[in-house]
C-alpha atoms as a PDB file:
ATOM      1  CA  ILE A   1      -0.054  -0.594  -0.027  1.00  0.00           C
ATOM      2  CA  ALA A   2       2.528   2.420   1.164  1.00  0.00           C
ATOM      3  CA  PHE A   3       4.555   1.521  -2.532  1.00  0.00           C
ATOM      4  CA  ARG A   4       1.176   2.081  -4.305  1.00  0.00           C
ATOM      5  CA  ILE A   5       0.502   5.592  -2.605  1.00  0.00           C
ATOM      6  CA  TYR A   6       4.058   6.411  -3.235  1.00  0.00           C
ATOM      7  CA  GLU A   7       3.877   5.609  -6.818  1.00  0.00           C
ATOM      8  CA  LEU A   8       0.388   7.411  -7.200  1.00  0.00           C
ATOM      9  CA  VAL A   9       2.615  11.002  -6.195  1.00  0.00           C
ATOM     10  CA  PHE A  10       5.195  10.815  -7.716  1.00  0.00           C
ATOM     11  CA  PRO A  11       4.397   9.310 -11.364  1.00  0.00           C
ATOM     12  CA  GLU A  12       7.365   8.767 -12.754  1.00  0.00           C
ATOM     13  CA  VAL A  13       8.769   6.965 -10.003  1.00  0.00           C
ATOM     14  CA  GLN A  14       8.179   3.057 -10.427  1.00  0.00           C
ATOM     15  CA  VAL A  15       8.368   0.968  -8.025  1.00  0.00           C
ATOM     16  CA  PRO A  16      10.347  -2.432  -9.517  1.00  0.00           C
ATOM     17  CA  LEU A  17       7.986  -5.756  -8.662  1.00  0.00           C
ATOM     18  CA  GLU A  18      10.451  -7.583  -6.494  1.00  0.00           C
ATOM     19  CA  ASN A  19      10.551  -4.579  -4.296  1.00  0.00           C
ATOM     20  CA  TYR A  20       6.680  -5.604  -3.667  1.00  0.00           C
ATOM     21  CA  PHE A  21       7.407  -8.951  -3.077  1.00  0.00           C
ATOM     22  CA  LEU A  22      10.768  -8.653  -0.382  1.00  0.00           C
ATOM     23  CA  TYR A  23       9.162  -5.969   1.638  1.00  0.00           C
ATOM     24  CA  SER A  24       5.735  -8.079   1.917  1.00  0.00           C
ATOM     25  CA  VAL A  25       7.500 -11.052   2.987  1.00  0.00           C
ATOM     26  CA  PHE A  26       9.587  -9.113   5.192  1.00  0.00           C
ATOM     27  CA  SER A  27       6.441  -6.892   6.271  1.00  0.00           C
ATOM     28  CA  MET A  28       4.769  -9.884   7.392  1.00  0.00           C
ATOM     29  CA  LEU A  29       8.027 -11.912   9.502  1.00  0.00           C
ATOM     30  CA  VAL A  30       7.923  -8.219  11.029  1.00  0.00           C
ATOM     31  CA  THR A  31       3.761  -9.217  11.944  1.00  0.00           C
ATOM     32  CA  LEU A  32       4.935 -12.769  12.499  1.00  0.00           C
ATOM     33  CA  LEU A  33       7.586 -11.998  14.879  1.00  0.00           C
ATOM     34  CA  VAL A  34       5.425  -9.372  16.908  1.00  0.00           C
ATOM     35  CA  SER A  35       2.743 -12.087  17.259  1.00  0.00           C
ATOM     36  CA  SER A  36       4.462 -14.867  18.270  1.00  0.00           C
ATOM     37  CA  VAL A  37       6.718 -11.888  20.795  1.00  0.00           C
ATOM     38  CA  TYR A  38       2.429 -11.356  21.870  1.00  0.00           C
ATOM     39  CA  ALA A  39       1.191 -14.464  21.972  1.00  0.00           C
ATOM     40  CA  VAL A  40       3.669 -16.014  24.406  1.00  0.00           C
ATOM     41  CA  SER A  41       2.940 -12.820  26.370  1.00  0.00           C
ATOM     42  CA  GLU A  42       0.165 -14.241  26.518  1.00  0.00           C
ATOM     43  CA  PHE A  43       0.781 -17.614  28.012  1.00  0.00           C
ATOM     44  CA  VAL A  44       2.481 -16.635  30.378  1.00  0.00           C
ATOM     45  CA  LYS A  45       0.084 -14.386  31.606  1.00  0.00           C
ATOM     46  CA  GLN A  46      -2.771 -17.084  31.540  1.00  0.00           C
ATOM     47  CA  TRP A  47       0.050 -19.797  33.320  1.00  0.00           C
ATOM     48  CA  LYS A  48       0.774 -17.373  35.641  1.00  0.00           C
ATOM     49  CA  SER A  49      -3.100 -16.709  36.447  1.00  0.00           C
ATOM     50  CA  SER A  50      -4.154 -19.845  36.308  1.00  0.00           C
ATOM     51  CA  GLU A  51      -1.052 -20.282  39.009  1.00  0.00           C
ATOM     52  CA  LEU A  52      -2.356 -18.065  41.075  1.00  0.00           C
ATOM     53  CA  LYS A  53      -5.906 -18.915  40.904  1.00  0.00           C
ATOM     54  CA  ALA A  54      -4.604 -23.186  42.031  1.00  0.00           C
ATOM     55  CA  GLU A  55      -2.916 -21.476  44.259  1.00  0.00           C
ATOM     56  CA  GLN A  56      -5.137 -19.411  46.343  1.00  0.00           C
ATOM     57  CA  MET A  57      -7.804 -22.463  45.362  1.00  0.00           C
ATOM     58  CA  LYS A  58      -5.713 -23.977  47.830  1.00  0.00           C
ATOM     59  CA  GLN A  59      -6.125 -22.102  50.290  1.00  0.00           C
ATOM     60  CA  GLN A  60      -9.584 -21.661  50.583  1.00  0.00           C
ATOM     61  CA  VAL A  61      -9.971 -25.433  50.260  1.00  0.00           C
ATOM     62  CA  LEU A  62      -7.136 -25.910  53.920  1.00  0.00           C
ATOM     63  CA  ARG A  63      -9.184 -23.499  55.403  1.00  0.00           C
ATOM     64  CA  SER A  64     -12.259 -24.803  55.307  1.00  0.00           C
ATOM     65  CA  GLU A  65     -11.233 -27.685  56.496  1.00  0.00           C
ATOM     66  CA  TYR A  66      -9.412 -26.322  58.622  1.00  0.00           C
ATOM     67  CA  GLU A  67     -12.341 -24.529  59.854  1.00  0.00           C
ATOM     68  CA  SER A  68     -14.379 -27.610  59.195  1.00  0.00           C
ATOM     69  CA  LEU A  69     -12.630 -29.526  61.870  1.00  0.00           C
ATOM     70  CA  LYS A  70     -12.102 -26.497  64.088  1.00  0.00           C
ATOM     71  CA  ASN A  71     -16.060 -27.192  64.150  1.00  0.00           C
ATOM     72  CA  GLN A  72     -15.922 -30.680  65.535  1.00  0.00           C
ATOM     73  CA  VAL A  73     -13.806 -30.220  67.639  1.00  0.00           C
ATOM     74  CA  ASN A  74     -14.990 -27.223  69.267  1.00  0.00           C
ATOM     75  CA  PRO A  75     -16.032 -28.069  73.336  1.00  0.00           C
ATOM     76  CA  HIS A  76     -19.529 -28.213  72.376  1.00  0.00           C
ATOM     77  CA  PHE A  77     -19.495 -30.846  69.734  1.00  0.00           C
ATOM     78  CA  LEU A  78     -17.587 -32.629  72.288  1.00  0.00           C
ATOM     79  CA  PHE A  79     -19.489 -32.218  74.788  1.00  0.00           C
ATOM     80  CA  ASN A  80     -22.574 -32.872  73.177  1.00  0.00           C
ATOM     81  CA  SER A  81     -21.598 -36.016  70.841  1.00  0.00           C
ATOM     82  CA  LEU A  82     -20.187 -38.003  74.724  1.00  0.00           C
ATOM     83  CA  ASN A  83     -23.327 -36.486  76.201  1.00  0.00           C
ATOM     84  CA  THR A  84     -25.272 -38.292  73.215  1.00  0.00           C
ATOM     85  CA  LEU A  85     -22.933 -41.941  73.451  1.00  0.00           C
ATOM     86  CA  SER A  86     -22.734 -41.633  77.518  1.00  0.00           C
ATOM     87  CA  ALA A  87     -26.535 -42.051  77.146  1.00  0.00           C
ATOM     88  CA  LEU A  88     -26.399 -45.010  74.224  1.00  0.00           C
ATOM     89  CA  ILE A  89     -23.614 -47.123  75.904  1.00  0.00           C
ATOM     90  CA  PRO A  90     -26.406 -48.516  77.756  1.00  0.00           C
ATOM     91  CA  GLU A  91     -28.893 -48.313  76.473  1.00  0.00           C
ATOM     92  CA  ASN A  92     -28.985 -49.228  73.071  1.00  0.00           C
ATOM     93  CA  PRO A  93     -24.780 -50.688  72.233  1.00  0.00           C
ATOM     94  CA  ALA A  94     -26.035 -51.240  68.770  1.00  0.00           C
ATOM     95  CA  LYS A  95     -25.870 -48.105  68.615  1.00  0.00           C
ATOM     96  CA  ALA A  96     -24.242 -46.321  70.047  1.00  0.00           C
ATOM     97  CA  THR A  97     -20.826 -48.318  68.164  1.00  0.00           C
ATOM     98  CA  ASP A  98     -22.531 -47.031  64.862  1.00  0.00           C
ATOM     99  CA  PHE A  99     -22.775 -43.396  66.544  1.00  0.00           C
ATOM    100  CA  VAL A 100     -18.842 -43.916  67.299  1.00  0.00           C
ATOM    101  CA  GLN A 101     -18.050 -45.003  63.885  1.00  0.00           C
ATOM    102  CA  LYS A 102     -19.938 -42.239  62.025  1.00  0.00           C
ATOM    103  CA  LEU A 103     -18.075 -39.914  64.435  1.00  0.00           C
ATOM    104  CA  SER A 104     -14.625 -41.088  63.630  1.00  0.00           C
ATOM    105  CA  ARG A 105     -16.235 -40.468  59.811  1.00  0.00           C
ATOM    106  CA  VAL A 106     -16.815 -37.181  59.999  1.00  0.00           C
ATOM    107  CA  PHE A 107     -13.432 -36.636  61.799  1.00  0.00           C
ATOM    108  CA  ARG A 108     -11.373 -38.430  59.001  1.00  0.00           C
ATOM    109  CA  TYR A 109     -13.265 -37.431  56.460  1.00  0.00           C
ATOM    110  CA  ALA A 110     -11.582 -33.760  56.528  1.00  0.00           C
ATOM    111  CA  LEU A 111      -7.735 -35.497  57.162  1.00  0.00           C
ATOM    112  CA  GLN A 112      -7.837 -37.495  54.388  1.00  0.00           C
ATOM    113  CA  HIS A 113      -9.474 -34.958  50.793  1.00  0.00           C
ATOM    114  CA  SER A 114      -7.250 -32.225  52.473  1.00  0.00           C
ATOM    115  CA  ASP A 115      -5.635 -31.943  48.721  1.00  0.00           C
ATOM    116  CA  SER A 116      -8.977 -32.608  46.432  1.00  0.00           C
ATOM    117  CA  ALA A 117     -10.731 -29.681  46.196  1.00  0.00           C
ATOM    118  CA  THR A 118     -13.834 -31.853  44.128  1.00  0.00           C
ATOM    119  CA  ILE A 119     -14.710 -35.613  45.484  1.00  0.00           C
ATOM    120  CA  GLU A 120     -17.716 -37.349  44.366  1.00  0.00           C
ATOM    121  CA  LEU A 121     -21.108 -37.001  44.829  1.00  0.00           C
ATOM    122  CA  GLY A 122     -21.719 -40.203  46.484  1.00  0.00           C
ATOM    123  CA  ASN A 123     -18.797 -39.391  48.543  1.00  0.00           C
ATOM    124  CA  GLU A 124     -19.784 -35.836  50.092  1.00  0.00           C
ATOM    125  CA  LEU A 125     -22.914 -37.004  50.761  1.00  0.00           C
ATOM    126  CA  ASP A 126     -22.336 -40.365  52.669  1.00  0.00           C
ATOM    127  CA  VAL A 127     -20.108 -37.846  55.201  1.00  0.00           C
ATOM    128  CA  VAL A 128     -23.140 -35.900  55.863  1.00  0.00           C
ATOM    129  CA  ASN A 129     -25.987 -38.889  56.113  1.00  0.00           C
ATOM    130  CA  ALA A 130     -22.718 -39.500  58.889  1.00  0.00           C
ATOM    131  CA  PHE A 131     -23.152 -36.188  60.563  1.00  0.00           C
ATOM    132  CA  LEU A 132     -27.125 -35.916  60.171  1.00  0.00           C
ATOM    133  CA  PHE A 133     -27.017 -39.407  61.959  1.00  0.00           C
ATOM    134  CA  LEU A 134     -24.840 -37.962  64.721  1.00  0.00           C
ATOM    135  CA  GLN A 135     -27.230 -34.829  65.107  1.00  0.00           C
ATOM    136  CA  LYS A 136     -30.054 -36.814  64.993  1.00  0.00           C
ATOM    137  CA  THR A 137     -28.895 -39.306  67.529  1.00  0.00           C
ATOM    138  CA  ARG A 138     -29.185 -36.204  69.674  1.00  0.00           C
ATOM    139  CA  PHE A 139     -31.446 -34.377  68.910  1.00  0.00           C
ATOM    140  CA  GLY A 140     -34.252 -36.997  67.989  1.00  0.00           C
ATOM    141  CA  ASP A 141     -37.459 -35.847  66.241  1.00  0.00           C
ATOM    142  CA  ASN A 142     -36.403 -32.005  66.794  1.00  0.00           C
ATOM    143  CA  LEU A 143     -34.381 -33.573  63.785  1.00  0.00           C
ATOM    144  CA  ARG A 144     -35.723 -34.113  60.591  1.00  0.00           C
ATOM    145  CA  PHE A 145     -33.946 -34.352  56.740  1.00  0.00           C
ATOM    146  CA  HIS A 146     -34.224 -36.238  53.599  1.00  0.00           C
ATOM    147  CA  ILE A 147     -31.575 -36.933  51.071  1.00  0.00           C
ATOM    148  CA  ASP A 148     -33.254 -37.758  47.451  1.00  0.00           C
ATOM    149  CA  VAL A 149     -29.523 -37.547  44.880  1.00  0.00           C
ATOM    150  CA  PRO A 150     -30.806 -40.619  42.549  1.00  0.00           C
ATOM    151  CA  GLN A 151     -27.559 -43.147  42.545  1.00  0.00           C
ATOM    152  CA  ALA A 152     -26.717 -41.779  38.726  1.00  0.00           C
ATOM    153  CA  PHE A 153     -25.530 -38.391  40.015  1.00  0.00           C
ATOM    154  CA  HIS A 154     -22.802 -40.531  42.849  1.00  0.00           C
ATOM    155  CA  HIS A 155     -20.339 -40.481  40.312  1.00  0.00           C
ATOM    156  CA  ARG A 156     -20.510 -36.354  39.538  1.00  0.00           C
ATOM    157  CA  GLN A 157     -17.746 -34.112  41.419  1.00  0.00           C
ATOM    158  CA  ILE A 158     -19.122 -31.560  44.545  1.00  0.00           C
ATOM    159  CA  ILE A 159     -16.549 -29.233  45.677  1.00  0.00           C
ATOM    160  CA  THR A 160     -14.620 -30.956  48.841  1.00  0.00           C
ATOM    161  CA  GLN A 161     -16.479 -30.900  52.066  1.00  0.00           C
ATOM    162  CA  GLY A 162     -19.586 -28.081  49.575  1.00  0.00           C
ATOM    163  CA  LEU A 163     -22.789 -30.251  50.921  1.00  0.00           C
ATOM    164  CA  LEU A 164     -20.903 -30.781  54.853  1.00  0.00           C
ATOM    165  CA  THR A 165     -20.329 -26.993  55.234  1.00  0.00           C
ATOM    166  CA  LEU A 166     -24.443 -26.289  53.965  1.00  0.00           C
ATOM    167  CA  VAL A 167     -25.593 -29.349  57.394  1.00  0.00           C
ATOM    168  CA  GLU A 168     -23.463 -27.688  59.465  1.00  0.00           C
ATOM    169  CA  ASN A 169     -24.040 -24.270  59.193  1.00  0.00           C
ATOM    170  CA  ALA A 170     -28.544 -25.180  59.331  1.00  0.00           C
ATOM    171  CA  VAL A 171     -27.718 -26.839  62.630  1.00  0.00           C
ATOM    172  CA  LYS A 172     -25.114 -24.531  64.294  1.00  0.00           C
ATOM    173  CA  HIS A 173     -27.804 -21.447  62.484  1.00  0.00           C
ATOM    174  CA  ASN A 174     -30.818 -23.263  63.314  1.00  0.00           C
ATOM    175  CA  GLU A 175     -33.757 -23.682  66.537  1.00  0.00           C
ATOM    176  CA  ALA A 176     -34.437 -27.524  66.780  1.00  0.00           C
ATOM    177  CA  SER A 177     -36.451 -28.129  69.160  1.00  0.00           C
ATOM    178  CA  ALA A 178     -40.325 -29.377  70.137  1.00  0.00           C
ATOM    179  CA  GLU A 179     -41.893 -26.294  68.898  1.00  0.00           C
ATOM    180  CA  ASN A 180     -40.316 -25.769  66.437  1.00  0.00           C
ATOM    181  CA  PRO A 181     -38.254 -28.643  64.500  1.00  0.00           C
ATOM    182  CA  LEU A 182     -35.225 -28.461  61.604  1.00  0.00           C
ATOM    183  CA  ALA A 183     -36.332 -29.508  59.006  1.00  0.00           C
ATOM    184  CA  ILE A 184     -32.574 -30.817  56.420  1.00  0.00           C
ATOM    185  CA  SER A 185     -32.897 -31.657  52.371  1.00  0.00           C
ATOM    186  CA  ILE A 186     -30.915 -32.458  50.146  1.00  0.00           C
ATOM    187  CA  GLU A 187     -32.126 -33.047  45.883  1.00  0.00           C
ATOM    188  CA  MET A 188     -31.239 -32.633  43.085  1.00  0.00           C
ATOM    189  CA  ILE A 189     -31.887 -30.049  41.327  1.00  0.00           C
ATOM    190  CA  GLY A 190     -32.935 -31.016  37.091  1.00  0.00           C
ATOM    191  CA  ASN A 191     -29.301 -32.168  36.228  1.00  0.00           C
ATOM    192  CA  ASP A 192     -26.285 -29.798  37.253  1.00  0.00           C
ATOM    193  CA  TYR A 193     -27.462 -28.789  40.737  1.00  0.00           C
ATOM    194  CA  VAL A 194     -27.688 -30.012  44.461  1.00  0.00           C
ATOM    195  CA  SER A 195     -30.133 -28.371  47.008  1.00  0.00           C
ATOM    196  CA  VAL A 196     -29.582 -28.352  50.637  1.00  0.00           C
ATOM    197  CA  ARG A 197     -32.318 -26.014  51.879  1.00  0.00           C
ATOM    198  CA  ASN A 198     -34.146 -26.242  55.921  1.00  0.00           C
ATOM    199  CA  THR A 199     -36.042 -24.306  58.027  1.00  0.00           C
ATOM    200  CA  LEU A 200     -34.896 -20.737  58.366  1.00  0.00           C
ATOM    201  CA  GLN A 201     -36.205 -20.221  62.796  1.00  0.00           C
ATOM    202  CA  ARG A 202     -32.577 -18.524  63.234  1.00  0.00           C
ATOM    203  CA  LYS A 203     -30.791 -19.390  67.210  1.00  0.00           C
ATOM    204  CA  LYS A 204     -31.367 -16.862  69.883  1.00  0.00           C
ATOM    205  CA  MET A 205     -28.578 -16.848  70.934  1.00  0.00           C
ATOM    206  CA  MET A 206     -26.665 -17.586  68.022  1.00  0.00           C
ATOM    207  CA  GLN A 207     -22.916 -19.056  67.575  1.00  0.00           C
ATOM    208  CA  PRO A 208     -20.025 -15.896  66.554  1.00  0.00           C
ATOM    209  CA  SER A 209     -20.046 -16.604  62.631  1.00  0.00           C
ATOM    210  CA  THR A 210     -16.155 -17.111  61.563  1.00  0.00           C
ATOM    211  CA  GLY A 211     -18.091 -15.846  57.951  1.00  0.00           C
ATOM    212  CA  ILE A 212     -15.686 -18.710  56.218  1.00  0.00           C
ATOM    213  CA  GLY A 213     -18.401 -21.361  55.577  1.00  0.00           C
ATOM    214  CA  LEU A 214     -20.897 -19.778  52.613  1.00  0.00           C
ATOM    215  CA  PRO A 215     -18.500 -17.766  51.169  1.00  0.00           C
ATOM    216  CA  ASN A 216     -15.177 -19.741  50.920  1.00  0.00           C
ATOM    217  CA  VAL A 217     -18.429 -22.107  48.834  1.00  0.00           C
ATOM    218  CA  VAL A 218     -19.149 -19.516  46.632  1.00  0.00           C
ATOM    219  CA  SER A 219     -15.621 -18.658  46.036  1.00  0.00           C
ATOM    220  CA  ARG A 220     -14.471 -21.973  45.102  1.00  0.00           C
ATOM    221  CA  CYS A 221     -17.493 -22.865  43.335  1.00  0.00           C
ATOM    222  CA  GLY A 222     -16.722 -20.104  41.014  1.00  0.00           C
ATOM    223  CA  ALA A 223     -12.644 -21.127  40.659  1.00  0.00           C
ATOM    224  CA  LEU A 224     -13.831 -23.927  38.822  1.00  0.00           C
ATOM    225  CA  THR A 225     -17.344 -23.916  36.819  1.00  0.00           C
ATOM    226  CA  GLU A 226     -19.371 -20.412  35.243  1.00  0.00           C
ATOM    227  CA  ARG A 227     -22.356 -22.003  36.662  1.00  0.00           C
ATOM    228  CA  PRO A 228     -23.313 -19.594  40.053  1.00  0.00           C
ATOM    229  CA  VAL A 229     -23.989 -20.898  43.539  1.00  0.00           C
ATOM    230  CA  VAL A 230     -27.593 -19.863  43.452  1.00  0.00           C
ATOM    231  CA  ILE A 231     -28.602 -18.620  47.483  1.00  0.00           C
ATOM    232  CA  THR A 232     -32.492 -17.987  48.154  1.00  0.00           C
ATOM    233  CA  GLU A 233     -33.815 -16.677  51.691  1.00  0.00           C
ATOM    234  CA  HIS A 234     -37.693 -16.552  52.730  1.00  0.00           C
ATOM    235  CA  GLU A 235     -39.236 -16.354  55.627  1.00  0.00           C
ATOM    236  CA  LYS A 236     -39.863 -18.944  56.754  1.00  0.00           C
ATOM    237  CA  GLU A 237     -36.598 -21.265  53.977  1.00  0.00           C
ATOM    238  CA  PHE A 238     -33.288 -20.691  53.250  1.00  0.00           C
ATOM    239  CA  GLU A 239     -31.942 -22.781  49.688  1.00  0.00           C
ATOM    240  CA  VAL A 240     -28.093 -22.771  48.548  1.00  0.00           C
ATOM    241  CA  LYS A 241     -27.506 -24.544  45.114  1.00  0.00           C
ATOM    242  CA  ILE A 242     -24.501 -25.944  44.917  1.00  0.00           C
ATOM    243  CA  PRO A 243     -23.039 -26.353  40.861  1.00  0.00           C
ATOM    244  CA  LEU A 244     -21.389 -30.054  39.614  1.00  0.00           C
ATOM    245  CA  ILE A 245     -18.348 -30.166  38.627  1.00  0.00           C
ATOM    246  CA  ASN A 246     -17.575 -31.220  35.021  1.00  0.00           C
END
């Protein structure tokens, strides 16, 4: 184009045809070089970004596991669990043995998956069942739960401790009494979401919140999938929908 403009401005000058060819090749090489530098620069930038995101994800998982384990070994949890166990031993030794096994499973879960950002939905549901068994043994009919997740979805991936965190929060922050039983429901919504829904009846004397649980779940899901965590709060119901991870 530059040569053609030059010829139009100065009609007496004729640019040799070979110059067109040589300078076109030269221009293409320069363009290729600049494009290559830009592509490499973008690749390095994306690689550093993914490394940073992976490190942040690892830190979030560790914080979540620490918070979960801390909740489980706090004096209230141990005191309530041991009280329940001591009452079970003389009345129902078989159930007491089952209680100890479930308690061990909940403790072991956080330690076994310290490096896993995701876990199979079936494995997550197993530990949630164990946790709810412990709480059901403690609260009796004051706690009701229902889990309806078809076996076909159990092989899908979900963030580690995602469902467990939500169930822990429901028990921790809501009243469970004869007057106001706490109901927790876990079920599939379509093919890509798991819903954790509970009756909303906040305790008058709430335990102090760390602010890590639910925001941590939202943040970790955001790092792994474009589908958002959906949080819905009504007057008498609280629901969180967690996306499955492809």
